[in-house]
Amino acid sequence: MLNASTFDRAAVMLSVLCVLHCAALPAILIALPFLSAMAEAEWVHWLMAILAIGASTAVAFMSASARTPAFLIPAIIGNALIGAALFGEHFGFSETAPTLTGGAFLAAAHAYRLFTDR
């Protein structure tokens, strides 16, 4: 059965994947150039963002204990930054910084819930 804790775990993992995608992938691409096309594919960025935002939003709707400022404030900031990163190129800024920051906010919000919600 899916519960809020399952979505918290998924959201932490998706946030970590976003951070790894932005931080580690450039180094990996130097070693494995054939992955370059996949890393730069716009649909990959959209899919990862939708999954990360969707998981954290699901937690807020599924669990009353998630509707507290300790979770909602960092989760909303993280979602907003990841969402903004999707449009970074269109407005002349790199999507890396908002994605890394947003992913960190989301991971922190969900990790907080995992370790404090009983």
PDB file of N, CA and C in Angstrom:
ATOM      1  N   MET A   1       0.833  -1.181   0.000  1.00  0.00           N
ATOM      2  CA  MET A   1       0.000   0.000   0.000  1.00  0.00           C
ATOM      3  C   MET A   1       0.877   1.243   0.000  1.00  0.00           C
ATOM      4  N   LEU A   2       0.521   2.199  -0.800  1.00  0.00           N
ATOM      5  CA  LEU A   2       1.281   3.440  -0.864  1.00  0.00           C
ATOM      6  C   LEU A   2       0.836   4.371   0.249  1.00  0.00           C
ATOM      7  N   ASN A   3       1.806   4.860   0.997  1.00  0.00           N
ATOM      8  CA  ASN A   3       1.507   5.835   2.030  1.00  0.00           C
ATOM      9  C   ASN A   3       2.464   7.008   1.886  1.00  0.00           C
ATOM     10  N   ALA A   4       2.304   7.994   2.742  1.00  0.00           N
ATOM     11  CA  ALA A   4       3.122   9.205   2.639  1.00  0.00           C
ATOM     12  C   ALA A   4       4.602   8.891   2.811  1.00  0.00           C
ATOM     13  N   SER A   5       4.942   7.943   3.671  1.00  0.00           N
ATOM     14  CA  SER A   5       6.335   7.583   3.887  1.00  0.00           C
ATOM     15  C   SER A   5       6.966   7.031   2.611  1.00  0.00           C
ATOM     16  N   THR A   6       6.201   6.267   1.854  1.00  0.00           N
ATOM     17  CA  THR A   6       6.693   5.749   0.575  1.00  0.00           C
ATOM     18  C   THR A   6       6.998   6.893  -0.379  1.00  0.00           C
ATOM     19  N   PHE A   7       6.105   7.878  -0.416  1.00  0.00           N
ATOM     20  CA  PHE A   7       6.339   9.031  -1.281  1.00  0.00           C
ATOM     21  C   PHE A   7       7.490   9.890  -0.769  1.00  0.00           C
ATOM     22  N   ASP A   8       7.665   9.975   0.564  1.00  0.00           N
ATOM     23  CA  ASP A   8       8.826  10.687   1.113  1.00  0.00           C
ATOM     24  C   ASP A   8      10.112  10.040   0.631  1.00  0.00           C
ATOM     25  N   ARG A   9      10.175   8.722   0.736  1.00  0.00           N
ATOM     26  CA  ARG A   9      11.380   8.014   0.282  1.00  0.00           C
ATOM     27  C   ARG A   9      11.607   8.227  -1.214  1.00  0.00           C
ATOM     28  N   ALA A  10      10.540   8.135  -1.984  1.00  0.00           N
ATOM     29  CA  ALA A  10      10.658   8.350  -3.428  1.00  0.00           C
ATOM     30  C   ALA A  10      11.112   9.771  -3.730  1.00  0.00           C
ATOM     31  N   ALA A  11      10.555  10.738  -3.008  1.00  0.00           N
ATOM     32  CA  ALA A  11      10.934  12.135  -3.243  1.00  0.00           C
ATOM     33  C   ALA A  11      12.392  12.391  -2.892  1.00  0.00           C
ATOM     34  N   VAL A  12      12.875  11.788  -1.808  1.00  0.00           N
ATOM     35  CA  VAL A  12      14.293  11.935  -1.456  1.00  0.00           C
ATOM     36  C   VAL A  12      15.153  11.353  -2.567  1.00  0.00           C
ATOM     37  N   MET A  13      14.814  10.163  -3.031  1.00  0.00           N
ATOM     38  CA  MET A  13      15.601   9.538  -4.088  1.00  0.00           C
ATOM     39  C   MET A  13      15.557  10.342  -5.384  1.00  0.00           C
ATOM     40  N   LEU A  14      14.391  10.848  -5.742  1.00  0.00           N
ATOM     41  CA  LEU A  14      14.283  11.647  -6.963  1.00  0.00           C
ATOM     42  C   LEU A  14      15.061  12.948  -6.837  1.00  0.00           C
ATOM     43  N   SER A  15      15.035  13.559  -5.669  1.00  0.00           N
ATOM     44  CA  SER A  15      15.803  14.779  -5.458  1.00  0.00           C
ATOM     45  C   SER A  15      17.294  14.503  -5.554  1.00  0.00           C
ATOM     46  N   VAL A  16      17.727  13.402  -4.968  1.00  0.00           N
ATOM     47  CA  VAL A  16      19.136  13.018  -5.053  1.00  0.00           C
ATOM     48  C   VAL A  16      19.516  12.734  -6.503  1.00  0.00           C
ATOM     49  N   LEU A  17      18.630  12.071  -7.248  1.00  0.00           N
ATOM     50  CA  LEU A  17      18.902  11.830  -8.668  1.00  0.00           C
ATOM     51  C   LEU A  17      19.040  13.132  -9.441  1.00  0.00           C
ATOM     52  N   CYS A  18      18.196  14.111  -9.128  1.00  0.00           N
ATOM     53  CA  CYS A  18      18.307  15.421  -9.783  1.00  0.00           C
ATOM     54  C   CYS A  18      19.666  16.057  -9.499  1.00  0.00           C
ATOM     55  N   VAL A  19      20.077  16.013  -8.233  1.00  0.00           N
ATOM     56  CA  VAL A  19      21.370  16.589  -7.858  1.00  0.00           C
ATOM     57  C   VAL A  19      22.502  15.837  -8.552  1.00  0.00           C
ATOM     58  N   LEU A  20      22.451  14.515  -8.548  1.00  0.00           N
ATOM     59  CA  LEU A  20      23.485  13.736  -9.223  1.00  0.00           C
ATOM     60  C   LEU A  20      23.505  14.011 -10.717  1.00  0.00           C
ATOM     61  N   HIS A  21      22.325  14.134 -11.302  1.00  0.00           N
ATOM     62  CA  HIS A  21      22.223  14.422 -12.734  1.00  0.00           C
ATOM     63  C   HIS A  21      22.950  15.724 -13.065  1.00  0.00           C
ATOM     64  N   CYS A  22      22.748  16.733 -12.242  1.00  0.00           N
ATOM     65  CA  CYS A  22      23.359  18.040 -12.518  1.00  0.00           C
ATOM     66  C   CYS A  22      24.825  18.111 -12.102  1.00  0.00           C
ATOM     67  N   ALA A  23      25.177  17.470 -11.006  1.00  0.00           N
ATOM     68  CA  ALA A  23      26.527  17.606 -10.473  1.00  0.00           C
ATOM     69  C   ALA A  23      27.503  16.559 -11.025  1.00  0.00           C
ATOM     70  N   ALA A  24      27.071  15.321 -11.116  1.00  0.00           N
ATOM     71  CA  ALA A  24      27.988  14.254 -11.509  1.00  0.00           C
ATOM     72  C   ALA A  24      27.956  13.940 -12.995  1.00  0.00           C
ATOM     73  N   LEU A  25      26.838  14.171 -13.639  1.00  0.00           N
ATOM     74  CA  LEU A  25      26.717  13.779 -15.030  1.00  0.00           C
ATOM     75  C   LEU A  25      27.739  14.440 -15.949  1.00  0.00           C
ATOM     76  N   PRO A  26      28.060  15.717 -15.783  1.00  0.00           N
ATOM     77  CA  PRO A  26      29.085  16.288 -16.671  1.00  0.00           C
ATOM     78  C   PRO A  26      30.419  15.536 -16.597  1.00  0.00           C
ATOM     79  N   ALA A  27      30.805  15.107 -15.407  1.00  0.00           N
ATOM     80  CA  ALA A  27      32.055  14.351 -15.280  1.00  0.00           C
ATOM     81  C   ALA A  27      31.935  12.980 -15.938  1.00  0.00           C
ATOM     82  N   ILE A  28      30.790  12.360 -15.775  1.00  0.00           N
ATOM     83  CA  ILE A  28      30.572  11.046 -16.394  1.00  0.00           C
ATOM     84  C   ILE A  28      30.571  11.168 -17.911  1.00  0.00           C
ATOM     85  N   LEU A  29      30.004  12.248 -18.416  1.00  0.00           N
ATOM     86  CA  LEU A  29      29.923  12.427 -19.864  1.00  0.00           C
ATOM     87  C   LEU A  29      31.285  12.579 -20.518  1.00  0.00           C
ATOM     88  N   ILE A  30      32.222  13.108 -19.770  1.00  0.00           N
ATOM     89  CA  ILE A  30      33.579  13.210 -20.304  1.00  0.00           C
ATOM     90  C   ILE A  30      34.128  11.808 -20.545  1.00  0.00           C
ATOM     91  N   ALA A  31      33.815  10.904 -19.621  1.00  0.00           N
ATOM     92  CA  ALA A  31      34.309   9.540 -19.749  1.00  0.00           C
ATOM     93  C   ALA A  31      33.472   8.706 -20.718  1.00  0.00           C
ATOM     94  N   LEU A  32      32.193   9.014 -20.841  1.00  0.00           N
ATOM     95  CA  LEU A  32      31.289   8.228 -21.687  1.00  0.00           C
ATOM     96  C   LEU A  32      30.505   9.152 -22.628  1.00  0.00           C
ATOM     97  N   PRO A  33      31.131   9.600 -23.688  1.00  0.00           N
ATOM     98  CA  PRO A  33      30.491  10.575 -24.570  1.00  0.00           C
ATOM     99  C   PRO A  33      29.167  10.117 -25.185  1.00  0.00           C
ATOM    100  N   PHE A  34      28.954   8.825 -25.321  1.00  0.00           N
ATOM    101  CA  PHE A  34      27.718   8.378 -25.957  1.00  0.00           C
ATOM    102  C   PHE A  34      26.490   8.652 -25.095  1.00  0.00           C
ATOM    103  N   LEU A  35      26.672   8.938 -23.810  1.00  0.00           N
ATOM    104  CA  LEU A  35      25.542   9.292 -22.953  1.00  0.00           C
ATOM    105  C   LEU A  35      25.177  10.776 -23.047  1.00  0.00           C
ATOM    106  N   SER A  36      25.983  11.522 -23.764  1.00  0.00           N
ATOM    107  CA  SER A  36      25.786  12.963 -23.855  1.00  0.00           C
ATOM    108  C   SER A  36      24.408  13.338 -24.399  1.00  0.00           C
ATOM    109  N   ALA A  37      23.987  12.651 -25.451  1.00  0.00           N
ATOM    110  CA  ALA A  37      22.682  12.972 -26.051  1.00  0.00           C
ATOM    111  C   ALA A  37      21.556  12.737 -25.057  1.00  0.00           C
ATOM    112  N   MET A  38      21.639  11.680 -24.278  1.00  0.00           N
ATOM    113  CA  MET A  38      20.603  11.381 -23.286  1.00  0.00           C
ATOM    114  C   MET A  38      20.603  12.431 -22.182  1.00  0.00           C
ATOM    115  N   ALA A  39      21.768  12.868 -21.766  1.00  0.00           N
ATOM    116  CA  ALA A  39      21.853  13.838 -20.675  1.00  0.00           C
ATOM    117  C   ALA A  39      21.306  15.194 -21.088  1.00  0.00           C
ATOM    118  N   GLU A  40      21.440  15.532 -22.339  1.00  0.00           N
ATOM    119  CA  GLU A  40      20.991  16.831 -22.812  1.00  0.00           C
ATOM    120  C   GLU A  40      19.556  16.818 -23.325  1.00  0.00           C
ATOM    121  N   ALA A  41      18.941  15.655 -23.384  1.00  0.00           N
ATOM    122  CA  ALA A  41      17.573  15.555 -23.895  1.00  0.00           C
ATOM    123  C   ALA A  41      16.622  16.314 -22.964  1.00  0.00           C
ATOM    124  N   GLU A  42      15.863  17.195 -23.536  1.00  0.00           N
ATOM    125  CA  GLU A  42      14.951  18.029 -22.748  1.00  0.00           C
ATOM    126  C   GLU A  42      13.893  17.196 -22.033  1.00  0.00           C
ATOM    127  N   TRP A  43      13.451  16.115 -22.651  1.00  0.00           N
ATOM    128  CA  TRP A  43      12.415  15.301 -22.022  1.00  0.00           C
ATOM    129  C   TRP A  43      12.898  14.669 -20.728  1.00  0.00           C
ATOM    130  N   VAL A  44      14.211  14.397 -20.621  1.00  0.00           N
ATOM    131  CA  VAL A  44      14.759  13.828 -19.387  1.00  0.00           C
ATOM    132  C   VAL A  44      14.597  14.824 -18.243  1.00  0.00           C
ATOM    133  N   HIS A  45      14.903  16.100 -18.525  1.00  0.00           N
ATOM    134  CA  HIS A  45      14.766  17.136 -17.495  1.00  0.00           C
ATOM    135  C   HIS A  45      13.308  17.298 -17.067  1.00  0.00           C
ATOM    136  N   TRP A  46      12.423  17.322 -18.024  1.00  0.00           N
ATOM    137  CA  TRP A  46      10.999  17.456 -17.707  1.00  0.00           C
ATOM    138  C   TRP A  46      10.490  16.260 -16.909  1.00  0.00           C
ATOM    139  N   LEU A  47      10.872  15.054 -17.313  1.00  0.00           N
ATOM    140  CA  LEU A  47      10.420  13.859 -16.609  1.00  0.00           C
ATOM    141  C   LEU A  47      10.906  13.851 -15.167  1.00  0.00           C
ATOM    142  N   MET A  48      12.178  14.134 -14.957  1.00  0.00           N
ATOM    143  CA  MET A  48      12.722  14.139 -13.602  1.00  0.00           C
ATOM    144  C   MET A  48      12.054  15.212 -12.744  1.00  0.00           C
ATOM    145  N   ALA A  49      11.826  16.383 -13.311  1.00  0.00           N
ATOM    146  CA  ALA A  49      11.181  17.453 -12.558  1.00  0.00           C
ATOM    147  C   ALA A  49       9.748  17.088 -12.198  1.00  0.00           C
ATOM    148  N   ILE A  50       9.026  16.547 -13.150  1.00  0.00           N
ATOM    149  CA  ILE A  50       7.628  16.174 -12.898  1.00  0.00           C
ATOM    150  C   ILE A  50       7.552  15.087 -11.823  1.00  0.00           C
ATOM    151  N   LEU A  51       8.442  14.112 -11.874  1.00  0.00           N
ATOM    152  CA  LEU A  51       8.440  13.054 -10.862  1.00  0.00           C
ATOM    153  C   LEU A  51       8.789  13.599  -9.474  1.00  0.00           C
ATOM    154  N   ALA A  52       9.797  14.451  -9.388  1.00  0.00           N
ATOM    155  CA  ALA A  52      10.204  15.002  -8.088  1.00  0.00           C
ATOM    156  C   ALA A  52       9.110  15.899  -7.504  1.00  0.00           C
ATOM    157  N   ILE A  53       8.576  16.785  -8.320  1.00  0.00           N
ATOM    158  CA  ILE A  53       7.512  17.689  -7.854  1.00  0.00           C
ATOM    159  C   ILE A  53       6.258  16.890  -7.516  1.00  0.00           C
ATOM    160  N   GLY A  54       5.927  15.915  -8.347  1.00  0.00           N
ATOM    161  CA  GLY A  54       4.739  15.098  -8.105  1.00  0.00           C
ATOM    162  C   GLY A  54       4.824  14.309  -6.809  1.00  0.00           C
ATOM    163  N   ALA A  55       5.988  13.731  -6.524  1.00  0.00           N
ATOM    164  CA  ALA A  55       6.145  12.942  -5.294  1.00  0.00           C
ATOM    165  C   ALA A  55       5.998  13.820  -4.060  1.00  0.00           C
ATOM    166  N   SER A  56       6.606  15.002  -4.071  1.00  0.00           N
ATOM    167  CA  SER A  56       6.496  15.855  -2.882  1.00  0.00           C
ATOM    168  C   SER A  56       5.092  16.423  -2.729  1.00  0.00           C
ATOM    169  N   THR A  57       4.436  16.693  -3.830  1.00  0.00           N
ATOM    170  CA  THR A  57       3.052  17.174  -3.765  1.00  0.00           C
ATOM    171  C   THR A  57       2.132  16.077  -3.244  1.00  0.00           C
ATOM    172  N   ALA A  58       2.375  14.847  -3.672  1.00  0.00           N
ATOM    173  CA  ALA A  58       1.566  13.718  -3.195  1.00  0.00           C
ATOM    174  C   ALA A  58       1.680  13.561  -1.687  1.00  0.00           C
ATOM    175  N   VAL A  59       2.878  13.761  -1.155  1.00  0.00           N
ATOM    176  CA  VAL A  59       3.068  13.651   0.290  1.00  0.00           C
ATOM    177  C   VAL A  59       2.216  14.695   1.013  1.00  0.00           C
ATOM    178  N   ALA A  60       2.221  15.911   0.514  1.00  0.00           N
ATOM    179  CA  ALA A  60       1.454  16.982   1.165  1.00  0.00           C
ATOM    180  C   ALA A  60      -0.041  16.689   1.159  1.00  0.00           C
ATOM    181  N   PHE A  61      -0.525  16.054   0.099  1.00  0.00           N
ATOM    182  CA  PHE A  61      -1.949  15.730   0.023  1.00  0.00           C
ATOM    183  C   PHE A  61      -2.310  14.470   0.812  1.00  0.00           C
ATOM    184  N   MET A  62      -1.370  13.534   0.933  1.00  0.00           N
ATOM    185  CA  MET A  62      -1.668  12.255   1.567  1.00  0.00           C
ATOM    186  C   MET A  62      -1.536  12.275   3.088  1.00  0.00           C
ATOM    187  N   SER A  63      -0.715  13.158   3.602  1.00  0.00           N
ATOM    188  CA  SER A  63      -0.418  13.114   5.029  1.00  0.00           C
ATOM    189  C   SER A  63      -0.657  14.469   5.678  1.00  0.00           C
ATOM    190  N   ALA A  64      -1.514  14.477   6.675  1.00  0.00           N
ATOM    191  CA  ALA A  64      -1.787  15.721   7.395  1.00  0.00           C
ATOM    192  C   ALA A  64      -0.530  16.223   8.097  1.00  0.00           C
ATOM    193  N   SER A  65       0.335  15.309   8.524  1.00  0.00           N
ATOM    194  CA  SER A  65       1.558  15.731   9.214  1.00  0.00           C
ATOM    195  C   SER A  65       2.537  16.426   8.271  1.00  0.00           C
ATOM    196  N   ALA A  66       2.330  16.287   6.969  1.00  0.00           N
ATOM    197  CA  ALA A  66       3.188  16.978   6.004  1.00  0.00           C
ATOM    198  C   ALA A  66       2.747  18.415   5.789  1.00  0.00           C
ATOM    199  N   ARG A  67       1.577  18.735   6.242  1.00  0.00           N
ATOM    200  CA  ARG A  67       1.068  20.092   6.046  1.00  0.00           C
ATOM    201  C   ARG A  67       1.455  20.984   7.216  1.00  0.00           C
ATOM    202  N   THR A  68       2.744  21.001   7.496  1.00  0.00           N
ATOM    203  CA  THR A  68       3.309  21.857   8.527  1.00  0.00           C
ATOM    204  C   THR A  68       4.371  22.729   7.879  1.00  0.00           C
ATOM    205  N   PRO A  69       4.652  23.873   8.461  1.00  0.00           N
ATOM    206  CA  PRO A  69       5.678  24.746   7.870  1.00  0.00           C
ATOM    207  C   PRO A  69       7.046  24.077   7.736  1.00  0.00           C
ATOM    208  N   ALA A  70       7.377  23.183   8.667  1.00  0.00           N
ATOM    209  CA  ALA A  70       8.688  22.524   8.616  1.00  0.00           C
ATOM    210  C   ALA A  70       8.874  21.701   7.346  1.00  0.00           C
ATOM    211  N   PHE A  71       7.788  21.189   6.801  1.00  0.00           N
ATOM    212  CA  PHE A  71       7.859  20.449   5.541  1.00  0.00           C
ATOM    213  C   PHE A  71       7.499  21.336   4.357  1.00  0.00           C
ATOM    214  N   LEU A  72       6.390  22.059   4.482  1.00  0.00           N
ATOM    215  CA  LEU A  72       5.869  22.799   3.328  1.00  0.00           C
ATOM    216  C   LEU A  72       6.797  23.895   2.821  1.00  0.00           C
ATOM    217  N   ILE A  73       7.412  24.632   3.723  1.00  0.00           N
ATOM    218  CA  ILE A  73       8.261  25.748   3.269  1.00  0.00           C
ATOM    219  C   ILE A  73       9.433  25.253   2.419  1.00  0.00           C
ATOM    220  N   PRO A  74      10.252  24.307   2.915  1.00  0.00           N
ATOM    221  CA  PRO A  74      11.342  23.843   2.029  1.00  0.00           C
ATOM    222  C   PRO A  74      10.839  23.089   0.799  1.00  0.00           C
ATOM    223  N   ALA A  75       9.721  22.370   0.930  1.00  0.00           N
ATOM    224  CA  ALA A  75       9.190  21.633  -0.224  1.00  0.00           C
ATOM    225  C   ALA A  75       8.702  22.596  -1.307  1.00  0.00           C
ATOM    226  N   ILE A  76       8.003  23.645  -0.903  1.00  0.00           N
ATOM    227  CA  ILE A  76       7.514  24.628  -1.883  1.00  0.00           C
ATOM    228  C   ILE A  76       8.682  25.358  -2.538  1.00  0.00           C
ATOM    229  N   ILE A  77       9.687  25.730  -1.741  1.00  0.00           N
ATOM    230  CA  ILE A  77      10.875  26.396  -2.313  1.00  0.00           C
ATOM    231  C   ILE A  77      11.566  25.454  -3.296  1.00  0.00           C
ATOM    232  N   GLY A  78      11.732  24.193  -2.901  1.00  0.00           N
ATOM    233  CA  GLY A  78      12.380  23.216  -3.781  1.00  0.00           C
ATOM    234  C   GLY A  78      11.611  22.998  -5.067  1.00  0.00           C
ATOM    235  N   ASN A  79      10.292  22.837  -4.944  1.00  0.00           N
ATOM    236  CA  ASN A  79       9.462  22.657  -6.146  1.00  0.00           C
ATOM    237  C   ASN A  79       9.537  23.874  -7.056  1.00  0.00           C
ATOM    238  N   ALA A  80       9.490  25.059  -6.464  1.00  0.00           N
ATOM    239  CA  ALA A  80       9.548  26.292  -7.265  1.00  0.00           C
ATOM    240  C   ALA A  80      10.883  26.406  -7.997  1.00  0.00           C
ATOM    241  N   LEU A  81      11.970  26.082  -7.321  1.00  0.00           N
ATOM    242  CA  LEU A  81      13.285  26.172  -7.958  1.00  0.00           C
ATOM    243  C   LEU A  81      13.440  25.152  -9.081  1.00  0.00           C
ATOM    244  N   ILE A  82      12.979  23.936  -8.843  1.00  0.00           N
ATOM    245  CA  ILE A  82      13.061  22.918  -9.895  1.00  0.00           C
ATOM    246  C   ILE A  82      12.172  23.303 -11.072  1.00  0.00           C
ATOM    247  N   GLY A  83      10.980  23.803 -10.782  1.00  0.00           N
ATOM    248  CA  GLY A  83      10.096  24.266 -11.854  1.00  0.00           C
ATOM    249  C   GLY A  83      10.707  25.420 -12.633  1.00  0.00           C
ATOM    250  N   ALA A  84      11.324  26.362 -11.917  1.00  0.00           N
ATOM    251  CA  ALA A  84      11.963  27.502 -12.583  1.00  0.00           C
ATOM    252  C   ALA A  84      13.133  27.048 -13.446  1.00  0.00           C
ATOM    253  N   ALA A  85      13.840  26.038 -12.990  1.00  0.00           N
ATOM    254  CA  ALA A  85      14.995  25.551 -13.751  1.00  0.00           C
ATOM    255  C   ALA A  85      14.598  25.036 -15.128  1.00  0.00           C
ATOM    256  N   LEU A  86      13.379  24.519 -15.243  1.00  0.00           N
ATOM    257  CA  LEU A  86      12.924  24.021 -16.541  1.00  0.00           C
ATOM    258  C   LEU A  86      12.870  25.123 -17.597  1.00  0.00           C
ATOM    259  N   PHE A  87      12.717  26.353 -17.134  1.00  0.00           N
ATOM    260  CA  PHE A  87      12.595  27.483 -18.062  1.00  0.00           C
ATOM    261  C   PHE A  87      13.832  28.376 -18.049  1.00  0.00           C
ATOM    262  N   GLY A  88      14.903  27.917 -17.400  1.00  0.00           N
ATOM    263  CA  GLY A  88      16.109  28.724 -17.264  1.00  0.00           C
ATOM    264  C   GLY A  88      16.693  29.193 -18.577  1.00  0.00           C
ATOM    265  N   GLU A  89      16.833  28.295 -19.514  1.00  0.00           N
ATOM    266  CA  GLU A  89      17.433  28.666 -20.798  1.00  0.00           C
ATOM    267  C   GLU A  89      16.618  29.739 -21.513  1.00  0.00           C
ATOM    268  N   HIS A  90      15.300  29.686 -21.377  1.00  0.00           N
ATOM    269  CA  HIS A  90      14.442  30.654 -22.046  1.00  0.00           C
ATOM    270  C   HIS A  90      14.594  32.060 -21.471  1.00  0.00           C
ATOM    271  N   PHE A  91      15.044  32.137 -20.215  1.00  0.00           N
ATOM    272  CA  PHE A  91      15.192  33.436 -19.559  1.00  0.00           C
ATOM    273  C   PHE A  91      16.645  33.802 -19.321  1.00  0.00           C
ATOM    274  N   GLY A  92      17.553  33.059 -19.904  1.00  0.00           N
ATOM    275  CA  GLY A  92      18.959  33.419 -19.884  1.00  0.00           C
ATOM    276  C   GLY A  92      19.737  33.027 -18.643  1.00  0.00           C
ATOM    277  N   PHE A  93      19.281  32.039 -17.896  1.00  0.00           N
ATOM    278  CA  PHE A  93      20.091  31.580 -16.775  1.00  0.00           C
ATOM    279  C   PHE A  93      20.229  30.055 -16.839  1.00  0.00           C
ATOM    280  N   SER A  94      21.302  29.580 -16.254  1.00  0.00           N
ATOM    281  CA  SER A  94      21.576  28.137 -16.247  1.00  0.00           C
ATOM    282  C   SER A  94      20.599  27.435 -15.317  1.00  0.00           C
ATOM    283  N   GLU A  95      20.188  26.254 -15.723  1.00  0.00           N
ATOM    284  CA  GLU A  95      19.253  25.503 -14.877  1.00  0.00           C
ATOM    285  C   GLU A  95      19.957  24.722 -13.777  1.00  0.00           C
ATOM    286  N   THR A  96      21.268  24.659 -13.803  1.00  0.00           N
ATOM    287  CA  THR A  96      22.001  23.844 -12.831  1.00  0.00           C
ATOM    288  C   THR A  96      21.835  24.336 -11.398  1.00  0.00           C
ATOM    289  N   ALA A  97      22.071  25.603 -11.145  1.00  0.00           N
ATOM    290  CA  ALA A  97      22.000  26.119  -9.768  1.00  0.00           C
ATOM    291  C   ALA A  97      20.605  25.975  -9.161  1.00  0.00           C
ATOM    292  N   PRO A  98      19.523  26.387  -9.861  1.00  0.00           N
ATOM    293  CA  PRO A  98      18.217  26.192  -9.230  1.00  0.00           C
ATOM    294  C   PRO A  98      17.837  24.722  -9.060  1.00  0.00           C
ATOM    295  N   THR A  99      18.294  23.867  -9.968  1.00  0.00           N
ATOM    296  CA  THR A  99      17.990  22.447  -9.823  1.00  0.00           C
ATOM    297  C   THR A  99      18.710  21.859  -8.616  1.00  0.00           C
ATOM    298  N   LEU A 100      19.990  22.158  -8.477  1.00  0.00           N
ATOM    299  CA  LEU A 100      20.749  21.652  -7.326  1.00  0.00           C
ATOM    300  C   LEU A 100      20.171  22.170  -6.011  1.00  0.00           C
ATOM    301  N   THR A 101      19.872  23.448  -5.970  1.00  0.00           N
ATOM    302  CA  THR A 101      19.321  24.041  -4.746  1.00  0.00           C
ATOM    303  C   THR A 101      17.934  23.490  -4.459  1.00  0.00           C
ATOM    304  N   GLY A 102      17.089  23.421  -5.482  1.00  0.00           N
ATOM    305  CA  GLY A 102      15.745  22.883  -5.310  1.00  0.00           C
ATOM    306  C   GLY A 102      15.765  21.431  -4.882  1.00  0.00           C
ATOM    307  N   GLY A 103      16.626  20.634  -5.482  1.00  0.00           N
ATOM    308  CA  GLY A 103      16.756  19.236  -5.103  1.00  0.00           C
ATOM    309  C   GLY A 103      17.199  19.087  -3.655  1.00  0.00           C
ATOM    310  N   ALA A 104      18.110  19.949  -3.226  1.00  0.00           N
ATOM    311  CA  ALA A 104      18.567  19.906  -1.832  1.00  0.00           C
ATOM    312  C   ALA A 104      17.433  20.266  -0.877  1.00  0.00           C
ATOM    313  N   PHE A 105      16.645  21.296  -1.224  1.00  0.00           N
ATOM    314  CA  PHE A 105      15.497  21.675  -0.395  1.00  0.00           C
ATOM    315  C   PHE A 105      14.490  20.536  -0.305  1.00  0.00           C
ATOM    316  N   LEU A 106      14.174  19.910  -1.438  1.00  0.00           N
ATOM    317  CA  LEU A 106      13.215  18.805  -1.433  1.00  0.00           C
ATOM    318  C   LEU A 106      13.740  17.608  -0.640  1.00  0.00           C
ATOM    319  N   ALA A 107      14.978  17.250  -0.863  1.00  0.00           N
ATOM    320  CA  ALA A 107      15.548  16.119  -0.128  1.00  0.00           C
ATOM    321  C   ALA A 107      15.545  16.394   1.371  1.00  0.00           C
ATOM    322  N   ALA A 108      15.891  17.611   1.757  1.00  0.00           N
ATOM    323  CA  ALA A 108      15.894  17.964   3.182  1.00  0.00           C
ATOM    324  C   ALA A 108      14.493  17.904   3.774  1.00  0.00           C
ATOM    325  N   ALA A 109      13.506  18.406   3.060  1.00  0.00           N
ATOM    326  CA  ALA A 109      12.123  18.388   3.558  1.00  0.00           C
ATOM    327  C   ALA A 109      11.637  16.965   3.768  1.00  0.00           C
ATOM    328  N   HIS A 110      11.894  16.095   2.812  1.00  0.00           N
ATOM    329  CA  HIS A 110      11.424  14.719   2.915  1.00  0.00           C
ATOM    330  C   HIS A 110      12.242  13.920   3.918  1.00  0.00           C
ATOM    331  N   ALA A 111      13.535  14.171   3.989  1.00  0.00           N
ATOM    332  CA  ALA A 111      14.360  13.487   4.992  1.00  0.00           C
ATOM    333  C   ALA A 111      13.910  13.901   6.395  1.00  0.00           C
ATOM    334  N   TYR A 112      13.612  15.172   6.578  1.00  0.00           N
ATOM    335  CA  TYR A 112      13.096  15.642   7.869  1.00  0.00           C
ATOM    336  C   TYR A 112      11.839  14.861   8.250  1.00  0.00           C
ATOM    337  N   ARG A 113      10.917  14.709   7.311  1.00  0.00           N
ATOM    338  CA  ARG A 113       9.691  13.955   7.585  1.00  0.00           C
ATOM    339  C   ARG A 113       9.987  12.495   7.909  1.00  0.00           C
ATOM    340  N   LEU A 114      10.901  11.899   7.171  1.00  0.00           N
ATOM    341  CA  LEU A 114      11.219  10.496   7.417  1.00  0.00           C
ATOM    342  C   LEU A 114      11.792  10.276   8.811  1.00  0.00           C
ATOM    343  N   PHE A 115      12.572  11.216   9.290  1.00  0.00           N
ATOM    344  CA  PHE A 115      13.244  11.035  10.583  1.00  0.00           C
ATOM    345  C   PHE A 115      12.456  11.597  11.755  1.00  0.00           C
ATOM    346  N   THR A 116      11.431  12.406  11.488  1.00  0.00           N
ATOM    347  CA  THR A 116      10.684  12.988  12.606  1.00  0.00           C
ATOM    348  C   THR A 116       9.232  12.528  12.662  1.00  0.00           C
ATOM    349  N   ASP A 117       8.682  12.061  11.565  1.00  0.00           N
ATOM    350  CA  ASP A 117       7.269  11.658  11.525  1.00  0.00           C
ATOM    351  C   ASP A 117       7.127  10.223  12.015  1.00  0.00           C
ATOM    352  N   ARG A 118       6.452  10.063  13.084  1.00  0.00           N
ATOM    353  CA  ARG A 118       6.260   8.708  13.659  1.00  0.00           C
ATOM    354  C   ARG A 118       4.821   8.343  13.588  1.00  0.00           C
TER     355      ARG A 118
END
